Every structure is written in structure tokens, then in C-alpha cells.
Amino acid sequence: MGLFEALGQYPRRYLSALAWLSENLAFSFVIGFFYGVFVLDMIYSTKLMVKIRAFAAKSGIIVLVEELREDIRSAFHRHRKRQFFFPMHVGVPIQELLERYQTMHYENKKHLQQRLRNRKQ
């Protein structure tokens, strides 16, 4: 709503900005590339979080993302170097990583309750 009001108040400013972008296509390409990478990252991260949430709901556990990241980093050190793109992809399916996470961190409910109490303090 605010964008349309601003377009109505200052149409020449926005038209001149669009004209400048159309004259400087290299800059437009850089902006498009940035937003493209951003959108791909959001899609990949959302897909990964949906899988983690589904596993947590199915297993009845609380997945702490910081601990999961540490487990994935340790798996990287064992298997290979870390990647810049897709940093959470080890080459092992995410389902298997989550099952390892569950066995490593949630052997019994008493252990889980104690960890949650320690995190709140």
C-alpha cells in the first residue's frame, strides 16, 4: 500500500530510476544475480527446515539447530572439506543425519528434559 502511495506522490523519481536501470544493464544484471541467489538460498533453506520439522514431529523430539549444525560440521571433518554453496549438504541424506542426531542427543526423555532446563537458565 505504501509503495503505491509513494509512486503516486513521486512518479518522476521512480521513472527516472527505471530509466537509469535500463541504461545501465550491467548493474541491473548484478541486482538480478543477487536476488536470484537470495531466492535460491531461501528455497533451499525452507526445504531443509521443512524436512527437519517433519522429522521432529514424526519422532516427537525437539531439534536444536545449533546442535544439528555442530553434528553436520563434525560429519564434514570426517568426510571432506566444507562447501560454500549448500553448506548443510554432506553427501549423506538429511534423514540419516537426523537419525544420527536423534540417537546421539535424545537417548532418553530424562536427558532431554535436563538439557532444556540447562538451556533456559
Protein backbone atom coordinates (compact mmCIF):
# COMPACT_ATOMS: atom_id res chain seq x y z
CA MET A 1 0.00 0.00 0.00
CA GLY A 2 2.78 2.41 0.93
CA LEU A 3 4.60 1.69 -2.34
CA PHE A 4 1.60 2.68 -4.42
CA GLU A 5 1.18 5.89 -2.43
CA ALA A 6 4.85 6.73 -2.96
CA LEU A 7 4.50 6.00 -6.69
CA GLY A 8 1.54 8.37 -6.81
CA GLN A 9 3.39 11.15 -4.98
CA TYR A 10 6.74 10.93 -6.76
CA PRO A 11 6.23 9.31 -10.18
CA ARG A 12 9.09 11.17 -11.88
CA ARG A 13 11.62 9.93 -9.32
CA TYR A 14 10.69 6.28 -9.94
CA LEU A 15 10.51 6.71 -13.69
CA SER A 16 13.96 8.28 -13.75
CA ALA A 17 15.31 5.41 -11.61
CA LEU A 18 13.82 2.88 -14.05
CA ALA A 19 15.29 4.80 -16.98
CA TRP A 20 18.72 4.76 -15.29
CA LEU A 21 18.49 1.00 -14.70
CA SER A 22 17.52 0.41 -18.32
CA GLU A 23 20.53 2.44 -19.46
CA ASN A 24 22.92 0.59 -17.10
CA LEU A 25 22.16 -3.04 -17.86
CA ALA A 26 25.32 -4.35 -16.19
CA PHE A 27 24.13 -3.02 -12.84
CA SER A 28 20.67 -4.49 -13.49
CA PHE A 29 22.34 -7.84 -14.14
CA VAL A 30 24.21 -7.65 -10.81
CA ILE A 31 20.99 -6.82 -8.96
CA GLY A 32 19.18 -9.70 -10.70
CA PHE A 33 22.01 -12.12 -9.91
CA PHE A 34 21.97 -11.09 -6.23
CA TYR A 35 18.23 -11.57 -5.91
CA GLY A 36 18.41 -14.86 -7.82
CA VAL A 37 20.98 -16.27 -5.41
CA PHE A 38 18.93 -14.96 -2.49
CA VAL A 39 15.75 -16.64 -3.73
CA LEU A 40 17.55 -19.95 -4.36
CA ASP A 41 19.02 -19.84 -0.85
CA MET A 42 15.60 -19.16 0.66
CA ILE A 43 14.05 -22.06 -1.26
CA TYR A 44 16.82 -24.49 -0.27
CA SER A 45 16.74 -23.39 3.40
CA THR A 46 12.96 -23.62 3.57
CA LYS A 47 13.00 -27.09 2.02
CA LEU A 48 15.64 -28.20 4.54
CA MET A 49 13.74 -26.77 7.52
CA VAL A 50 10.52 -28.46 6.36
CA LYS A 51 12.34 -31.82 6.33
CA ILE A 52 13.80 -31.19 9.80
CA ARG A 53 10.41 -30.14 11.16
CA ALA A 54 8.68 -33.20 9.68
CA PHE A 55 11.31 -35.50 11.21
CA ALA A 56 10.98 -33.78 14.60
CA ALA A 57 7.19 -34.08 14.53
CA LYS A 58 7.36 -37.74 13.48
CA SER A 59 9.97 -38.60 16.12
CA GLY A 60 8.50 -36.43 18.87
CA ILE A 61 11.78 -34.64 19.59
CA ILE A 62 12.96 -31.06 19.64
CA VAL A 63 15.73 -30.46 17.14
CA LEU A 64 18.09 -27.73 18.27
CA VAL A 65 19.54 -26.24 15.11
CA GLU A 66 22.84 -25.25 16.75
CA GLU A 67 23.49 -28.84 17.82
CA LEU A 68 22.48 -30.15 14.41
CA ARG A 69 24.92 -27.75 12.75
CA GLU A 70 27.71 -28.95 15.02
CA ASP A 71 26.91 -32.56 14.12
CA ILE A 72 26.97 -31.70 10.41
CA ARG A 73 30.28 -29.87 10.82
CA SER A 74 31.78 -32.91 12.52
CA ALA A 75 30.49 -35.06 9.64
CA PHE A 76 32.22 -32.66 7.23
CA HIS A 77 35.51 -33.02 9.06
CA ARG A 78 35.23 -36.78 8.79
CA HIS A 79 34.20 -36.91 5.12
CA ARG A 80 35.57 -33.89 3.27
CA LYS A 81 36.04 -30.14 3.15
CA ARG A 82 33.21 -27.72 3.75
CA GLN A 83 31.40 -26.21 0.77
CA PHE A 84 30.43 -22.58 0.29
CA PHE A 85 27.29 -23.40 -1.65
CA PHE A 86 24.89 -25.75 0.11
CA PRO A 87 26.85 -25.83 3.39
CA MET A 88 24.46 -28.30 5.04
CA HIS A 89 24.91 -30.90 2.27
CA VAL A 90 27.41 -33.54 3.35
CA GLY A 91 26.67 -36.18 0.77
CA VAL A 92 24.70 -38.16 3.35
CA PRO A 93 20.89 -37.89 3.14
CA ILE A 94 19.40 -35.46 5.66
CA GLN A 95 17.18 -38.24 7.02
CA GLU A 96 20.24 -40.26 8.01
CA LEU A 97 21.86 -37.21 9.64
CA LEU A 98 18.69 -36.56 11.63
CA GLU A 99 18.53 -40.17 12.78
CA ARG A 100 22.15 -39.92 13.97
CA TYR A 101 21.26 -36.67 15.72
CA GLN A 102 18.34 -38.36 17.47
CA THR A 103 20.42 -41.29 18.70
CA MET A 104 23.28 -39.04 19.78
CA HIS A 105 21.29 -36.37 21.63
CA TYR A 106 17.98 -37.95 22.67
CA GLU A 107 18.56 -41.41 24.05
CA ASN A 108 16.00 -40.90 26.78
CA LYS A 109 13.46 -38.26 27.80
CA LYS A 110 15.18 -37.52 31.10
CA HIS A 111 18.27 -36.42 29.21
CA LEU A 112 16.12 -34.13 27.01
CA GLN A 113 14.38 -32.51 29.98
CA GLN A 114 17.70 -31.87 31.68
CA ARG A 115 19.13 -30.23 28.55
CA LEU A 116 16.10 -27.98 28.16
CA ARG A 117 16.32 -26.88 31.79
CA ASN A 118 20.01 -26.05 31.35
CA ARG A 119 19.28 -24.01 28.19
CA LYS A 120 16.62 -21.93 29.96
CA GLN A 121 18.98 -20.98 32.77
